[in-house]
Amino acid sequence: MISSLPPSPDLEHLRREAKHLQRRLQAGDPAAVARLDAHTPGLPVALGTAQMVVAREHGFASWAQLKSLVTRMASSGVRDDTIGPGYADYQRADPRIAAAVHDALGDARTIVNVGAGTGSYEPSDRPVIPIEPSTAMALQRHPRLPPAVLGVAESLPLADGTADAAMAVLTLHHWADLEQGLAELTRVARRRTVLLTIDPEVEAQMWLFQHYVPEIIEQDRRDFPAVEHLAALLKAPTQVITVPVPVDCVDGFALAFWSRPEAVLDPGARAATSGFARMDKDREAAAVARLADHLRSGAWDQAHGHLRNLPALDVGLRPFVTELS
């Protein structure tokens, strides 16, 4: 039986669990011996053996792998609990983007939504199991949606082949271990996975990141995998789709600011995006003041005003659809 990690795993707790198991093994406790035989038969009773048992009970090949993931999770920077309060006021599903996501899910009758957040882009016409690590985000889910199960992408609290499809919408940059998270999505999905992510190289061409906050792109290039790299990691036939963001997009993610620079001046809108939430506050204030000055003087419209008349623009939004069988 695999036991999933909690949303905020504690390495010291796991160490104490391993030491307790070692003591029970030394005392010849039958339940402890059964755990040893189930995961590491034939190994001597030692702390390292007990640690390996604990790691394998959580779905990891070794203690080193488990320790590495938990350590990265503890130091992974801004989590959704930081940007969570007020998130639902700004981040709402745009129906045109939702249609692209739902088309990608195809005829899947049951869905696991990993990093489900407040429920944006979650289909309402079929059963969904939402998995979300942040209590702040989970509490903002609409009452009509199923309540989220607290859990992390890298250790989903679900059995193999739980649903027809697994989806993950704009959440990869919050994962501590991309490969482990992708392996978990593949494990719980019987037929396909759908990932909505961002191509950072296309995103980098947007005026906001080019001229005002290039540090967000620097971070996104570290957090979002390149298209070719992600496709290779998925290890199955994958279709990459381009989804233009509409000029009147109702979703408040930073990509939607391409046609409405005034939104960047709203501190609530910025706080609801992980890019701005991760920025140095002095640097953020300086960039916003510079943009405000360019809007007042007309310099922004002189350089980019033509964007206001476009119906939609490709700013890097990419669904990845992987067929597993």
Protein backbone atom coordinates (compact mmCIF):
# COMPACT_ATOMS: atom_id res chain seq x y z
CA MET A 1 0.00 0.00 0.00
CA ILE A 2 1.48 3.34 -1.10
CA SER A 3 0.94 6.25 1.30
CA SER A 4 0.90 9.73 -0.25
CA LEU A 5 2.86 12.63 1.17
CA PRO A 6 0.91 15.41 2.89
CA PRO A 7 0.77 18.84 1.20
CA SER A 8 3.55 20.12 3.50
CA PRO A 9 5.73 17.11 4.30
CA ASP A 10 8.08 17.34 7.29
CA LEU A 11 11.48 15.73 6.80
CA GLU A 12 12.09 15.52 10.55
CA HIS A 13 8.82 13.64 10.98
CA LEU A 14 9.89 11.17 8.28
CA ARG A 15 13.27 10.74 9.99
CA ARG A 16 11.55 10.02 13.31
CA GLU A 17 9.28 7.53 11.55
CA ALA A 18 12.33 5.69 10.18
CA LYS A 19 14.06 5.64 13.59
CA HIS A 20 10.90 4.32 15.22
CA LEU A 21 10.68 1.59 12.57
CA GLN A 22 14.33 0.67 13.19
CA ARG A 23 13.64 0.27 16.93
CA ARG A 24 10.59 -1.89 16.25
CA LEU A 25 12.62 -4.05 13.86
CA GLN A 26 15.34 -4.50 16.46
CA ALA A 27 12.67 -5.57 18.95
CA GLY A 28 11.32 -8.14 16.47
CA ASP A 29 7.89 -6.53 16.15
CA PRO A 30 5.92 -8.65 13.61
CA ALA A 31 4.23 -5.65 11.97
CA ALA A 32 7.59 -3.93 11.47
CA VAL A 33 9.12 -7.11 10.04
CA ALA A 34 6.20 -7.41 7.63
CA ARG A 35 6.86 -3.84 6.42
CA LEU A 36 10.54 -4.72 5.92
CA ASP A 37 9.71 -7.91 4.01
CA ALA A 38 7.21 -6.06 1.80
CA HIS A 39 9.69 -3.44 0.61
CA THR A 40 13.30 -4.45 1.32
CA PRO A 41 13.44 -8.22 1.90
CA GLY A 42 16.83 -9.59 2.88
CA LEU A 43 18.40 -6.30 3.98
CA PRO A 44 19.91 -6.08 7.46
CA VAL A 45 18.17 -4.18 10.24
CA ALA A 46 19.74 -0.72 10.15
CA LEU A 47 18.65 2.90 10.01
CA GLY A 48 19.34 3.06 6.27
CA THR A 49 17.09 0.05 5.71
CA ALA A 50 14.30 1.60 7.77
CA GLN A 51 14.63 4.83 5.81
CA MET A 52 14.35 2.92 2.54
CA VAL A 53 11.20 1.18 3.79
CA VAL A 54 9.64 4.56 4.66
CA ALA A 55 10.62 5.97 1.26
CA ARG A 56 9.17 3.03 -0.66
CA GLU A 57 5.97 3.14 1.38
CA HIS A 58 5.57 6.68 0.03
CA GLY A 59 6.22 5.59 -3.56
CA PHE A 60 9.93 6.53 -3.86
CA ALA A 61 12.77 4.29 -4.93
CA SER A 62 15.15 5.45 -2.21
CA TRP A 63 15.45 7.60 0.90
CA ALA A 64 17.69 9.99 -1.04
CA GLN A 65 14.93 10.58 -3.61
CA LEU A 66 12.32 11.19 -0.91
CA LYS A 67 14.64 13.50 1.05
CA SER A 68 15.52 15.50 -2.08
CA LEU A 69 11.86 16.09 -2.98
CA VAL A 70 10.80 17.08 0.55
CA THR A 71 13.76 19.46 0.83
CA ARG A 72 12.90 21.12 -2.51
CA MET A 73 9.26 21.42 -1.52
CA ALA A 74 10.24 23.21 1.68
CA SER A 75 12.42 25.73 -0.18
CA SER A 76 10.50 26.11 -3.43
CA GLY A 77 9.80 29.83 -3.03
CA VAL A 78 6.33 31.34 -3.35
CA ARG A 79 3.61 28.77 -2.83
CA ASP A 80 -0.06 29.15 -3.64
CA ASP A 81 -0.75 29.93 0.03
CA THR A 82 1.07 33.24 -0.63
CA ILE A 83 -0.93 34.24 -3.69
CA GLY A 84 -4.07 32.36 -2.66
CA PRO A 85 -6.01 35.05 -0.73
CA GLY A 86 -8.12 37.00 -3.25
CA TYR A 87 -7.05 34.70 -6.11
CA ALA A 88 -10.62 33.82 -7.10
CA ASP A 89 -11.47 37.51 -7.51
CA TYR A 90 -9.04 37.84 -10.41
CA GLN A 91 -8.40 34.36 -11.78
CA ARG A 92 -11.57 33.12 -13.49
CA ALA A 93 -11.87 30.63 -16.30
CA ASP A 94 -12.15 32.22 -19.73
CA PRO A 95 -14.77 30.24 -21.71
CA ARG A 96 -12.66 30.12 -24.88
CA ILE A 97 -9.61 28.75 -23.09
CA ALA A 98 -11.89 26.40 -21.14
CA ALA A 99 -13.27 25.07 -24.43
CA ALA A 100 -9.74 24.26 -25.61
CA VAL A 101 -8.98 22.40 -22.37
CA HIS A 102 -12.25 20.47 -22.44
CA ASP A 103 -11.73 19.56 -26.11
CA ALA A 104 -8.31 18.22 -25.15
CA LEU A 105 -9.88 16.01 -22.46
CA GLY A 106 -12.00 14.49 -25.22
CA ASP A 107 -14.29 11.64 -24.23
CA ALA A 108 -12.64 11.02 -20.86
CA ARG A 109 -15.51 10.30 -18.46
CA THR A 110 -13.62 10.78 -15.19
CA ILE A 111 -10.91 13.35 -14.43
CA VAL A 112 -8.21 13.95 -11.83
CA ASN A 113 -7.36 17.66 -11.67
CA VAL A 114 -3.89 18.13 -10.18
CA GLY A 115 -3.12 21.54 -8.71
CA ALA A 116 -6.84 22.23 -9.03
CA GLY A 117 -6.75 25.58 -7.22
CA THR A 118 -10.13 27.31 -7.17
CA GLY A 119 -11.46 25.11 -9.97
CA SER A 120 -10.78 27.20 -13.07
CA TYR A 121 -11.04 25.14 -16.27
CA GLU A 122 -12.34 22.13 -14.36
CA PRO A 123 -15.12 20.41 -16.35
CA SER A 124 -18.52 20.35 -14.68
CA ASP A 125 -20.16 17.75 -16.91
CA ARG A 126 -18.33 14.70 -15.52
CA PRO A 127 -16.88 13.48 -12.21
CA VAL A 128 -13.67 15.24 -11.14
CA ILE A 129 -11.29 14.53 -8.26
CA PRO A 130 -9.48 17.83 -7.51
CA ILE A 131 -6.07 17.63 -5.83
CA GLU A 132 -4.69 20.86 -4.34
CA PRO A 133 -1.76 21.49 -1.92
CA SER A 134 -2.90 24.92 -0.73
CA THR A 135 -5.63 25.28 1.87
CA ALA A 136 -6.03 28.96 0.92
CA MET A 137 -6.83 27.98 -2.66
CA ALA A 138 -9.03 25.02 -1.74
CA LEU A 139 -11.22 27.17 0.50
CA GLN A 140 -12.02 29.50 -2.43
CA ARG A 141 -13.58 26.76 -4.53
CA HIS A 142 -17.20 27.45 -5.47
CA PRO A 143 -19.74 25.42 -3.43
CA ARG A 144 -21.02 23.77 -6.62
CA LEU A 145 -17.58 22.23 -7.23
CA PRO A 146 -16.36 19.09 -5.45
CA PRO A 147 -14.14 19.90 -2.45
CA ALA A 148 -10.42 19.53 -3.09
CA VAL A 149 -8.38 16.70 -1.64
CA LEU A 150 -5.22 18.11 -0.08
CA GLY A 151 -2.20 16.62 -1.78
CA VAL A 152 0.84 17.32 -3.94
CA ALA A 153 1.47 16.43 -7.57
CA GLU A 154 4.59 14.44 -6.72
CA SER A 155 2.70 12.06 -4.40
CA LEU A 156 -0.95 11.81 -5.38
CA PRO A 157 -3.24 10.16 -2.80
CA LEU A 158 -4.87 8.00 -5.47
CA ALA A 159 -4.63 4.45 -6.75
CA ASP A 160 -3.18 3.53 -10.14
CA GLY A 161 -5.58 4.19 -13.03
CA THR A 162 -8.05 6.12 -10.89
CA ALA A 163 -9.53 8.13 -13.79
CA ASP A 164 -9.68 8.22 -17.57
CA ALA A 165 -7.64 11.42 -17.69
CA ALA A 166 -5.47 13.61 -15.48
CA MET A 167 -5.23 17.34 -16.07
CA ALA A 168 -2.94 20.05 -14.69
CA VAL A 169 -3.65 23.71 -15.52
CA LEU A 170 -0.87 26.31 -15.15
CA THR A 171 0.59 24.53 -12.16
CA LEU A 172 3.86 22.95 -13.35
CA HIS A 173 5.87 25.94 -12.07
CA HIS A 174 4.69 25.20 -8.53
CA TRP A 175 5.92 21.59 -8.56
CA ALA A 176 9.11 20.73 -6.72
CA ASP A 177 9.92 17.74 -8.98
CA LEU A 178 8.59 17.91 -12.55
CA GLU A 179 9.49 14.36 -13.56
CA GLN A 180 7.99 12.85 -10.41
CA GLY A 181 4.81 14.89 -10.90
CA LEU A 182 4.46 13.80 -14.52
CA ALA A 183 5.02 10.19 -13.51
CA GLU A 184 2.22 10.51 -10.94
CA LEU A 185 -0.19 11.97 -13.52
CA THR A 186 0.60 9.08 -15.84
CA ARG A 187 0.13 6.60 -13.00
CA VAL A 188 -3.37 7.75 -12.03
CA ALA A 189 -4.65 8.28 -15.61
CA ARG A 190 -5.78 5.37 -17.72
CA ARG A 191 -6.05 7.05 -21.13
CA ARG A 192 -4.58 10.56 -21.38
CA THR A 193 -3.04 13.54 -19.63
CA VAL A 194 -3.74 17.19 -20.44
CA LEU A 195 -1.27 19.84 -19.31
CA LEU A 196 -1.95 23.54 -19.82
CA THR A 197 1.39 25.31 -19.59
CA ILE A 198 3.35 28.22 -21.03
CA ASP A 199 6.05 28.33 -23.68
CA PRO A 200 8.48 30.77 -22.00
CA GLU A 201 10.17 31.67 -25.30
CA VAL A 202 6.90 32.89 -26.80
CA GLU A 203 5.91 34.55 -23.52
CA ALA A 204 9.22 36.43 -23.53
CA GLN A 205 8.14 38.36 -26.65
CA MET A 206 5.28 40.11 -24.81
CA TRP A 207 5.91 43.81 -24.08
CA LEU A 208 5.39 43.42 -20.33
CA PHE A 209 8.25 40.98 -19.95
CA GLN A 210 10.48 42.46 -22.62
CA HIS A 211 10.46 46.04 -21.38
CA TYR A 212 9.22 46.14 -17.78
CA VAL A 213 9.71 42.92 -15.80
CA PRO A 214 12.31 40.75 -17.59
CA GLU A 215 13.05 39.01 -14.28
CA ILE A 216 9.70 37.23 -14.53
CA ILE A 217 10.83 35.64 -17.78
CA GLU A 218 14.15 34.69 -16.21
CA GLN A 219 12.21 32.89 -13.48
CA ASP A 220 9.73 31.32 -15.89
CA ARG A 221 12.55 29.94 -18.01
CA ARG A 222 13.75 28.17 -14.88
CA ASP A 223 10.28 27.01 -13.79
CA PHE A 224 8.45 26.19 -17.03
CA PRO A 225 10.02 23.42 -19.12
CA ALA A 226 10.78 24.18 -22.75
CA VAL A 227 8.26 22.71 -25.17
CA GLU A 228 10.70 20.16 -26.58
CA HIS A 229 11.90 19.12 -23.11
CA LEU A 230 8.39 18.63 -21.75
CA ALA A 231 7.31 16.63 -24.79
CA ALA A 232 10.34 14.37 -24.33
CA LEU A 233 9.56 13.84 -20.64
CA LEU A 234 6.01 12.72 -21.41
CA LYS A 235 7.38 9.63 -23.22
CA ALA A 236 4.19 9.01 -25.22
CA PRO A 237 2.52 10.46 -28.33
CA THR A 238 1.84 14.10 -27.50
CA GLN A 239 0.05 16.88 -29.35
CA VAL A 240 1.03 20.48 -28.53
CA ILE A 241 -1.76 23.00 -29.22
CA THR A 242 -1.53 26.78 -29.58
CA VAL A 243 -4.29 28.66 -27.76
CA PRO A 244 -4.38 32.43 -28.43
CA VAL A 245 -5.46 34.57 -25.47
CA PRO A 246 -8.54 36.71 -26.34
CA VAL A 247 -8.34 40.49 -26.10
CA ASP A 248 -11.22 40.44 -23.58
CA CYS A 249 -9.92 37.44 -21.63
CA VAL A 250 -11.64 37.25 -18.24
CA ASP A 251 -8.82 35.24 -16.68
CA GLY A 252 -6.44 37.43 -14.74
CA PHE A 253 -3.17 35.60 -15.36
CA ALA A 254 -0.29 37.81 -16.46
CA LEU A 255 -0.47 36.67 -20.10
CA ALA A 256 -3.93 38.26 -20.35
CA PHE A 257 -2.38 41.70 -19.74
CA TRP A 258 -1.08 41.76 -23.34
CA SER A 259 -3.94 44.02 -24.47
CA ARG A 260 -4.78 45.86 -21.22
CA PRO A 261 -1.71 47.34 -19.57
CA GLU A 262 -3.90 49.22 -17.09
CA ALA A 263 -4.52 45.90 -15.32
CA VAL A 264 -0.85 45.80 -14.31
CA LEU A 265 -1.44 48.92 -12.21
CA ASP A 266 -3.94 47.03 -10.01
CA PRO A 267 -2.04 45.65 -6.98
CA GLY A 268 -4.69 42.97 -6.46
CA ALA A 269 -4.29 41.73 -10.02
CA ARG A 270 -0.52 41.56 -9.64
CA ALA A 271 -0.75 39.79 -6.29
CA ALA A 272 -2.90 37.06 -7.87
CA THR A 273 -0.12 36.15 -10.35
CA SER A 274 2.82 34.03 -9.30
CA GLY A 275 5.22 36.07 -11.46
CA PHE A 276 4.63 39.35 -9.64
CA ALA A 277 4.21 37.59 -6.30
CA ARG A 278 7.77 36.28 -6.61
CA MET A 279 9.30 39.66 -7.50
CA ASP A 280 11.32 41.92 -5.26
CA LYS A 281 8.78 44.51 -4.07
CA ASP A 282 11.00 47.52 -4.73
CA ARG A 283 11.72 46.29 -8.24
CA GLU A 284 8.00 45.64 -8.81
CA ALA A 285 7.10 49.16 -7.63
CA ALA A 286 9.69 50.71 -9.95
CA ALA A 287 8.43 48.73 -12.96
CA VAL A 288 4.80 49.62 -12.26
CA ALA A 289 5.66 53.31 -11.83
CA ARG A 290 7.50 53.27 -15.15
CA LEU A 291 4.54 51.67 -16.92
CA ALA A 292 2.13 54.15 -15.32
CA ASP A 293 4.28 57.01 -16.56
CA HIS A 294 4.34 55.54 -20.09
CA LEU A 295 0.55 55.20 -20.07
CA ARG A 296 0.09 58.81 -18.94
CA SER A 297 2.49 60.15 -21.55
CA GLY A 298 1.09 58.00 -24.36
CA ALA A 299 4.44 56.28 -24.92
CA TRP A 300 2.95 52.83 -24.32
CA ASP A 301 0.15 53.34 -26.84
CA GLN A 302 2.56 54.77 -29.36
CA ALA A 303 4.65 51.60 -29.16
CA HIS A 304 2.03 48.94 -28.48
CA GLY A 305 -1.41 50.51 -28.91
CA HIS A 306 -2.12 48.44 -32.03
CA LEU A 307 -2.50 45.44 -29.73
CA ARG A 308 -5.74 46.83 -28.34
CA ASN A 309 -7.40 46.23 -31.74
CA LEU A 310 -6.38 42.58 -32.13
CA PRO A 311 -9.04 39.92 -31.33
CA ALA A 312 -6.49 37.55 -29.79
CA LEU A 313 -2.75 36.97 -29.56
CA ASP A 314 -0.47 33.98 -29.14
CA VAL A 315 1.45 34.76 -25.96
CA GLY A 316 2.61 31.21 -25.26
CA LEU A 317 -0.39 29.33 -23.84
CA ARG A 318 0.09 25.65 -24.71
CA PRO A 319 -2.03 22.57 -23.92
CA PHE A 320 -0.10 19.28 -24.13
CA VAL A 321 -2.33 16.28 -24.85
CA THR A 322 -0.66 12.90 -24.26
CA GLU A 323 -2.37 9.66 -25.22
CA LEU A 324 -1.43 6.84 -22.88
CA SER A 325 -3.34 4.06 -24.60
